[in-house]
Amino acid sequence: MTYLPAADRYEVARFRRCGRSGLDLPAISLGLWQNFGGTDVFETGRAVLRRAFDRGVTHFDLANNYGPPYGSAEANFGRWMDLDFRPHRDELVISSKAGWDMWPGPYGNFGSRKYLVASCDASLKRMGLDYVDVFYHHRPDPKTPLEETMGALDHLVRSGKALYVGVSSYSPELTRRAHAILKDLGTPLLIHQPSYSMLNRWVEEGLLETLAEIGAGCIAFSPLAQGLLTSKYLGGVPEGSRAGKGGSFAASLVTEENVARVRALDAIAKARGQTLAQMAIAWVLRDPRVTSALIGARSVAQLDDSLAALDRLDFTPDELAAIDRHATEGGIDLWRSQSAIRPE
């Protein structure tokens, strides 16, 4: 059956301008890091994407190695484009990235021109696209000169393979350098994608100020701390959860201290009439310098629960003060070492 998106999708959506650019992003964007790969149920992912677009989510975020296996999220996305979204390509913002390991050998990782250009070409082929709207360098490269990495991003824009470029997990200082190099080349730095949540507040230590000064947007990934900021872990690590499976989120991160923080934050959320997940997303969006919160979703129901965060974005000073007492560093920033990288 032909997919017909909801006619009122833009009446219910909320958008924010991305820095000093002409691009608006939905306040909540959908990331395909987890749950959309070759080991996941194809029709479930398709249903989530349909529902997201019906609810005004116009931004889908991918990367070359999302899966598992690597590349499978993009390959699936290409099929979903063919099945449902190809007629709506111009309504969508589609992003991809390269910077983490993708294929064996010295040319399938980090930030060389060879890797970034080849990776972008492969991503476009997997998704069946002529261009991506945003292409990111996924993490800093400690050895490749920043001028080469930013030059590759500039090349992708000039060759028509990307409309905009961004970076992820760059420190404030490195972000300034990247912005300056790109500015000299004539390609603006559109956006930064950092991890940010109530248990991982590193962006408040200079990055948000930097982005405001240089006019770049901010899209915060993992605002739910990979699921820790939900009711899921209040009683420990449930079977089948992301922490239970290992991988990017280890069960060792579900410490007694973090569970205590989560329980206290859950009580504040209930008093606000929200789930903890909804409050966690709303809290990230409380700062106007944050353009969008990037969420994942295992099901349509989970997606709807997260999108309901937009129903209550306001916080009283007392609520923010109460949250600050418990929203402290939880040791869950798996990307902290990346934001400390200084290229040679």
Protein backbone atom coordinates (compact mmCIF):
# COMPACT_ATOMS: atom_id res chain seq x y z
CA MET A 1 0.00 0.00 0.00
CA THR A 2 1.33 3.44 -0.93
CA TYR A 3 2.45 5.46 2.07
CA LEU A 4 0.60 8.77 2.42
CA PRO A 5 2.08 10.88 5.21
CA ALA A 6 -0.21 12.66 7.64
CA ALA A 7 -1.61 15.83 6.12
CA ASP A 8 -1.18 17.75 9.38
CA ARG A 9 2.46 16.77 9.96
CA TYR A 10 3.71 20.36 9.80
CA GLU A 11 0.90 21.69 11.95
CA VAL A 12 2.05 19.57 14.89
CA ALA A 13 5.80 19.90 14.35
CA ARG A 14 8.18 22.25 16.15
CA PHE A 15 11.27 23.57 14.40
CA ARG A 16 14.32 25.51 15.51
CA ARG A 17 16.79 27.47 13.41
CA CYS A 18 20.21 25.81 13.22
CA GLY A 19 22.69 28.46 14.33
CA ARG A 20 23.13 31.35 11.92
CA SER A 21 22.05 29.37 8.87
CA GLY A 22 18.95 29.12 6.72
CA LEU A 23 18.16 25.60 7.95
CA ASP A 24 15.45 24.66 10.43
CA LEU A 25 15.57 21.31 12.22
CA PRO A 26 12.79 19.60 14.16
CA ALA A 27 13.17 20.01 17.91
CA ILE A 28 13.39 16.21 18.07
CA SER A 29 15.27 14.31 15.37
CA LEU A 30 15.45 10.55 14.84
CA GLY A 31 18.78 8.75 14.92
CA LEU A 32 19.35 5.32 13.40
CA TRP A 33 22.36 4.39 15.55
CA GLN A 34 20.53 1.47 17.15
CA ASN A 35 17.43 -0.57 16.14
CA PHE A 36 17.57 -0.04 12.37
CA GLY A 37 20.34 -2.39 11.25
CA GLY A 38 20.47 -5.75 9.55
CA THR A 39 19.85 -7.67 12.79
CA ASP A 40 16.67 -5.69 13.56
CA VAL A 41 13.12 -6.22 12.28
CA PHE A 42 12.84 -4.37 8.96
CA GLU A 43 9.12 -3.60 9.18
CA THR A 44 9.45 -2.28 12.74
CA GLY A 45 12.07 0.23 11.63
CA ARG A 46 9.89 1.17 8.68
CA ALA A 47 6.90 1.78 10.96
CA VAL A 48 8.97 3.99 13.27
CA LEU A 49 10.21 6.11 10.36
CA ARG A 50 6.69 6.48 8.99
CA ARG A 51 5.34 7.51 12.36
CA ALA A 52 8.18 9.97 12.88
CA PHE A 53 7.50 11.72 9.57
CA ASP A 54 3.77 11.73 10.30
CA ARG A 55 4.60 13.56 13.54
CA GLY A 56 6.73 16.20 11.79
CA VAL A 57 10.17 14.66 12.34
CA THR A 58 11.93 15.62 9.12
CA HIS A 59 15.52 14.84 10.14
CA PHE A 60 16.93 11.30 10.00
CA ASP A 61 20.51 10.89 11.22
CA LEU A 62 22.79 8.03 10.13
CA ALA A 63 26.47 7.12 9.92
CA ASN A 64 28.51 4.80 7.73
CA ASN A 65 28.96 2.15 10.44
CA TYR A 66 25.47 2.13 11.96
CA GLY A 67 24.00 -1.35 12.11
CA PRO A 68 25.00 -3.96 12.96
CA PRO A 69 26.52 -5.01 10.67
CA TYR A 70 28.31 -1.87 9.51
CA GLY A 71 26.48 -0.14 6.68
CA SER A 72 23.22 -2.01 7.19
CA ALA A 73 21.29 0.92 8.69
CA GLU A 74 22.07 2.98 5.60
CA ALA A 75 21.23 0.07 3.31
CA ASN A 76 17.90 -0.39 5.09
CA PHE A 77 17.28 3.34 4.93
CA GLY A 78 17.78 3.21 1.17
CA ARG A 79 15.07 0.57 0.97
CA TRP A 80 12.73 2.66 3.15
CA MET A 81 13.40 5.61 0.86
CA ASP A 82 12.37 3.51 -2.13
CA LEU A 83 9.29 2.12 -0.40
CA ASP A 84 7.98 5.27 1.28
CA PHE A 85 10.06 8.42 1.27
CA ARG A 86 11.57 9.00 -2.19
CA PRO A 87 8.66 11.31 -3.20
CA HIS A 88 9.35 13.35 -0.05
CA ARG A 89 13.13 13.68 -0.40
CA ASP A 90 13.01 17.47 -0.50
CA GLU A 91 11.08 17.54 2.77
CA LEU A 92 13.78 15.58 4.58
CA VAL A 93 17.13 16.41 6.16
CA ILE A 94 19.29 13.29 5.90
CA SER A 95 22.71 13.20 7.52
CA SER A 96 25.57 10.76 7.64
CA LYS A 97 29.04 10.65 9.13
CA ALA A 98 32.47 9.06 8.95
CA GLY A 99 35.29 8.99 11.45
CA TRP A 100 35.00 5.70 13.33
CA ASP A 101 36.15 2.36 11.95
CA MET A 102 34.31 1.18 8.86
CA TRP A 103 36.54 -1.16 6.82
CA PRO A 104 39.92 -2.86 7.44
CA GLY A 105 43.23 -1.20 6.82
CA PRO A 106 44.59 2.32 7.27
CA TYR A 107 42.06 4.00 4.95
CA GLY A 108 38.83 3.02 6.74
CA ASN A 109 39.03 5.09 9.91
CA PHE A 110 39.61 8.56 11.40
CA GLY A 111 39.78 11.70 9.24
CA SER A 112 41.86 11.53 6.08
CA ARG A 113 40.55 13.00 2.85
CA LYS A 114 40.74 9.52 1.32
CA TYR A 115 38.54 7.99 4.01
CA LEU A 116 35.95 10.76 4.24
CA VAL A 117 35.38 11.10 0.50
CA ALA A 118 35.26 7.34 -0.07
CA SER A 119 32.94 6.88 2.89
CA CYS A 120 30.55 9.58 1.71
CA ASP A 121 30.44 7.99 -1.75
CA ALA A 122 29.67 4.58 -0.22
CA SER A 123 26.97 6.03 2.05
CA LEU A 124 25.26 7.73 -0.88
CA LYS A 125 25.31 4.47 -2.82
CA ARG A 126 23.84 2.47 0.08
CA MET A 127 21.04 4.99 0.57
CA GLY A 128 20.43 5.63 -3.11
CA LEU A 129 20.93 9.37 -2.71
CA ASP A 130 22.58 12.00 -4.88
CA TYR A 131 23.58 14.01 -1.80
CA VAL A 132 23.18 14.14 1.98
CA ASP A 133 21.96 17.30 3.63
CA VAL A 134 24.63 17.15 6.34
CA PHE A 135 27.90 15.20 6.42
CA TYR A 136 29.81 15.06 9.70
CA HIS A 137 33.30 14.20 10.74
CA HIS A 138 32.28 11.71 13.43
CA ARG A 139 35.19 12.26 15.84
CA PRO A 140 38.54 14.10 16.01
CA ASP A 141 41.58 12.45 14.44
CA PRO A 142 44.72 12.76 16.60
CA LYS A 143 47.14 12.37 13.65
CA THR A 144 45.60 13.86 10.52
CA PRO A 145 46.03 17.65 10.17
CA LEU A 146 42.74 19.39 10.82
CA GLU A 147 43.24 21.31 7.58
CA GLU A 148 43.04 18.04 5.61
CA THR A 149 39.89 16.86 7.39
CA MET A 150 38.09 20.19 7.00
CA GLY A 151 39.34 20.42 3.42
CA ALA A 152 37.67 17.08 2.71
CA LEU A 153 34.38 18.36 4.15
CA ASP A 154 34.67 21.48 2.00
CA HIS A 155 35.30 19.27 -1.03
CA LEU A 156 32.15 17.26 -0.36
CA VAL A 157 30.08 20.45 -0.36
CA ARG A 158 31.71 21.82 -3.51
CA SER A 159 31.25 18.49 -5.30
CA GLY A 160 27.53 18.49 -4.49
CA LYS A 161 27.68 15.41 -2.27
CA ALA A 162 26.67 17.33 0.88
CA LEU A 163 24.77 20.58 1.37
CA TYR A 164 26.20 21.28 4.83
CA VAL A 165 28.94 19.90 7.07
CA GLY A 166 29.34 19.35 10.79
CA VAL A 167 31.54 17.79 13.45
CA SER A 168 30.88 15.51 16.40
CA SER A 169 32.59 15.18 19.79
CA TYR A 170 34.99 18.05 19.08
CA SER A 171 36.19 20.11 22.05
CA PRO A 172 35.37 23.83 22.16
CA GLU A 173 38.92 24.69 21.11
CA LEU A 174 38.98 22.23 18.22
CA THR A 175 35.53 23.39 17.12
CA ARG A 176 36.83 26.95 16.88
CA ARG A 177 39.76 25.79 14.76
CA ALA A 178 37.52 23.73 12.50
CA HIS A 179 35.15 26.68 12.08
CA ALA A 180 38.02 29.04 11.20
CA ILE A 181 39.47 26.66 8.60
CA LEU A 182 36.10 26.07 6.97
CA LYS A 183 35.31 29.78 7.00
CA ASP A 184 38.53 30.52 5.12
CA LEU A 185 37.55 27.86 2.59
CA GLY A 186 34.11 29.42 2.18
CA THR A 187 32.08 26.57 3.71
CA PRO A 188 30.30 27.31 7.01
CA LEU A 189 30.39 24.88 9.92
CA LEU A 190 26.67 24.25 10.24
CA ILE A 191 26.37 22.10 13.34
CA HIS A 192 28.06 20.17 16.13
CA GLN A 193 26.71 16.84 17.39
CA PRO A 194 27.81 16.23 21.01
CA SER A 195 26.59 13.80 23.62
CA TYR A 196 24.50 15.66 26.19
CA SER A 197 22.18 14.58 28.97
CA MET A 198 21.39 15.23 32.61
CA LEU A 199 24.16 12.77 33.54
CA ASN A 200 26.64 14.07 30.96
CA ARG A 201 26.83 17.87 30.94
CA TRP A 202 30.24 18.49 29.38
CA VAL A 203 28.84 20.78 26.67
CA GLU A 204 28.03 23.35 29.36
CA GLU A 205 31.77 23.77 29.98
CA GLY A 206 32.41 26.02 27.00
CA LEU A 207 31.03 24.21 23.95
CA LEU A 208 27.57 25.80 23.91
CA GLU A 209 29.14 29.24 24.30
CA THR A 210 31.53 28.47 21.44
CA LEU A 211 28.72 27.34 19.14
CA ALA A 212 26.71 30.48 19.89
CA GLU A 213 29.71 32.68 19.13
CA ILE A 214 30.57 31.04 15.81
CA GLY A 215 26.94 30.67 14.76
CA ALA A 216 26.77 26.87 14.62
CA GLY A 217 23.84 24.76 15.73
CA CYS A 218 23.90 21.94 18.28
CA ILE A 219 22.13 18.59 17.99
CA ALA A 220 22.45 16.63 21.22
CA PHE A 221 22.76 12.87 20.92
CA SER A 222 22.01 10.38 23.69
CA PRO A 223 19.79 12.77 25.71
CA LEU A 224 18.44 9.68 27.49
CA ALA A 225 21.95 8.48 28.32
CA GLN A 226 21.38 5.38 26.15
CA GLY A 227 18.23 4.58 28.10
CA LEU A 228 19.53 5.14 31.61
CA LEU A 229 17.31 8.22 31.93
CA THR A 230 14.14 6.17 31.67
CA SER A 231 12.26 4.01 34.13
CA LYS A 232 13.92 0.94 32.61
CA TYR A 233 16.83 0.71 35.05
CA LEU A 234 15.16 1.75 38.30
CA GLY A 235 15.19 -1.86 39.45
CA GLY A 236 18.54 -2.92 38.00
CA VAL A 237 19.53 -4.14 34.55
CA PRO A 238 16.60 -5.89 32.80
CA GLU A 239 17.19 -8.73 30.40
CA GLY A 240 17.19 -7.58 26.78
CA SER A 241 18.06 -3.97 27.62
CA ARG A 242 20.97 -2.22 25.94
CA ALA A 243 23.02 -2.47 29.14
CA GLY A 244 22.15 -6.14 29.38
CA LYS A 245 23.43 -6.77 25.86
CA GLY A 246 26.74 -5.01 26.45
CA GLY A 247 28.26 -3.16 23.54
CA SER A 248 28.16 0.64 23.67
CA PHE A 249 26.42 0.72 27.05
CA ALA A 250 27.87 -1.57 29.68
CA ALA A 251 25.96 -2.80 32.71
CA SER A 252 28.80 -1.42 34.84
CA LEU A 253 27.46 2.08 34.13
CA VAL A 254 24.25 1.25 35.99
CA THR A 255 25.85 2.03 39.35
CA GLU A 256 24.07 2.51 42.66
CA GLU A 257 24.91 6.21 42.45
CA ASN A 258 23.43 6.54 38.98
CA VAL A 259 20.31 4.61 39.91
CA ALA A 260 19.86 6.94 42.91
CA ARG A 261 20.18 9.95 40.59
CA VAL A 262 17.67 8.45 38.18
CA ARG A 263 15.15 7.70 40.94
CA ALA A 264 15.32 11.26 42.22
CA LEU A 265 14.93 12.68 38.70
CA ASP A 266 12.05 10.29 38.03
CA ALA A 267 10.20 11.72 41.04
CA ILE A 268 10.65 15.25 39.67
CA ALA A 269 9.36 14.14 36.27
CA LYS A 270 6.27 12.55 37.82
CA ALA A 271 5.53 15.76 39.70
CA ARG A 272 5.67 17.57 36.34
CA GLY A 273 3.28 15.08 34.77
CA GLN A 274 5.95 13.60 32.50
CA THR A 275 7.84 10.37 32.16
CA LEU A 276 11.51 10.59 33.02
CA ALA A 277 12.39 10.20 29.33
CA GLN A 278 10.13 13.09 28.39
CA MET A 279 11.64 15.33 31.04
CA ALA A 280 15.17 14.37 30.04
CA ILE A 281 14.50 15.40 26.43
CA ALA A 282 12.70 18.59 27.45
CA TRP A 283 15.59 19.47 29.79
CA VAL A 284 18.13 19.22 26.96
CA LEU A 285 15.92 21.48 24.85
CA ARG A 286 15.54 24.06 27.64
CA ASP A 287 18.64 25.81 26.27
CA PRO A 288 17.89 27.73 23.05
CA ARG A 289 21.41 27.02 21.85
CA VAL A 290 20.42 23.37 21.45
CA THR A 291 18.79 23.09 18.03
CA SER A 292 17.52 19.53 18.30
CA ALA A 293 17.54 16.48 20.56
CA LEU A 294 18.55 13.33 18.70
CA ILE A 295 16.67 10.29 19.95
CA GLY A 296 16.46 6.63 19.07
CA ALA A 297 13.36 4.46 19.14
CA ARG A 298 12.84 0.72 19.29
CA SER A 299 9.10 0.94 18.58
CA VAL A 300 6.35 3.34 17.55
CA ALA A 301 5.16 3.48 21.16
CA GLN A 302 8.63 4.45 22.36
CA LEU A 303 8.86 7.11 19.67
CA ASP A 304 5.49 8.58 20.65
CA ASP A 305 6.49 8.67 24.30
CA SER A 306 9.63 10.63 23.44
CA LEU A 307 7.83 13.05 21.11
CA ALA A 308 5.38 13.82 23.92
CA ALA A 309 8.26 15.68 25.57
CA LEU A 310 7.33 18.59 23.33
CA ASP A 311 4.04 18.96 25.20
CA ARG A 312 5.87 20.36 28.23
CA LEU A 313 9.13 22.19 27.54
CA ASP A 314 8.84 24.83 30.25
CA PHE A 315 10.61 24.54 33.61
CA THR A 316 10.16 26.62 36.73
CA PRO A 317 13.28 27.90 38.53
CA ASP A 318 12.50 25.54 41.41
CA GLU A 319 12.28 22.55 39.05
CA LEU A 320 15.60 23.42 37.44
CA ALA A 321 17.22 23.82 40.85
CA ALA A 322 15.86 20.44 41.97
CA ILE A 323 17.10 18.79 38.78
CA ASP A 324 20.55 20.35 39.22
CA ARG A 325 20.90 18.68 42.60
CA HIS A 326 20.70 15.26 40.97
CA ALA A 327 21.74 15.90 37.35
CA THR A 328 25.43 15.45 38.04
CA GLU A 329 28.24 13.65 36.26
CA GLY A 330 27.42 9.96 36.02
CA GLY A 331 30.58 8.68 34.33
CA ILE A 332 28.61 7.67 31.26
CA ASP A 333 30.33 9.91 28.69
CA LEU A 334 31.84 7.23 26.46
CA TRP A 335 33.10 9.95 24.12
CA ARG A 336 35.01 12.04 26.67
CA SER A 337 38.36 10.84 25.36
CA GLN A 338 37.37 11.99 21.88
CA SER A 339 36.54 15.53 22.95
CA ALA A 340 40.01 15.75 24.53
CA ILE A 341 41.85 14.95 21.27
CA ARG A 342 44.21 17.53 19.86
CA PRO A 343 45.44 16.72 16.31
CA GLU A 344 49.18 16.94 15.69
